[in-house]
């Protein structure tokens, strides 16, 4: 059997462009311009994500760690809940940065199965309280 290599997206685009523009060099310039614009748009997208989500998360996390203003479980029955003092991260993602922190902590203790099961239950309750408090 003979197998043909499938065309790349760039080759498909070239085929379509040749239907409208007979000069192949012009078609290749159009494709090159398209790829350049896609790279620029992708970079703009990730810069915007960094500026408005990741950077905000790290700022809030560091601020709360420095000032000791975060929600936590005091014992199995007492929960200390603090509202996010800036809601930019919450408005953009729909989740409190404190909950992201709880998830990170659960990942860190996941090697200790007993801790993970206990903390998962406690943090689930804490996360729900944080979520309700931030709405």
Foldseek 3Di string as FASTA:
>chain_A
DDDDDDDDPLVVQLVVVCVVPVDSVVSVVVSVVVVVVVVVVVVVVVVVCCVQAVVVLVVQVVVCVVVVAAWDAPDQVDTDHGARPDCSNCVVPVADSNLVVLVVVLVVCVVPVVCNVVSVVSSVVRRVVRSVVHD
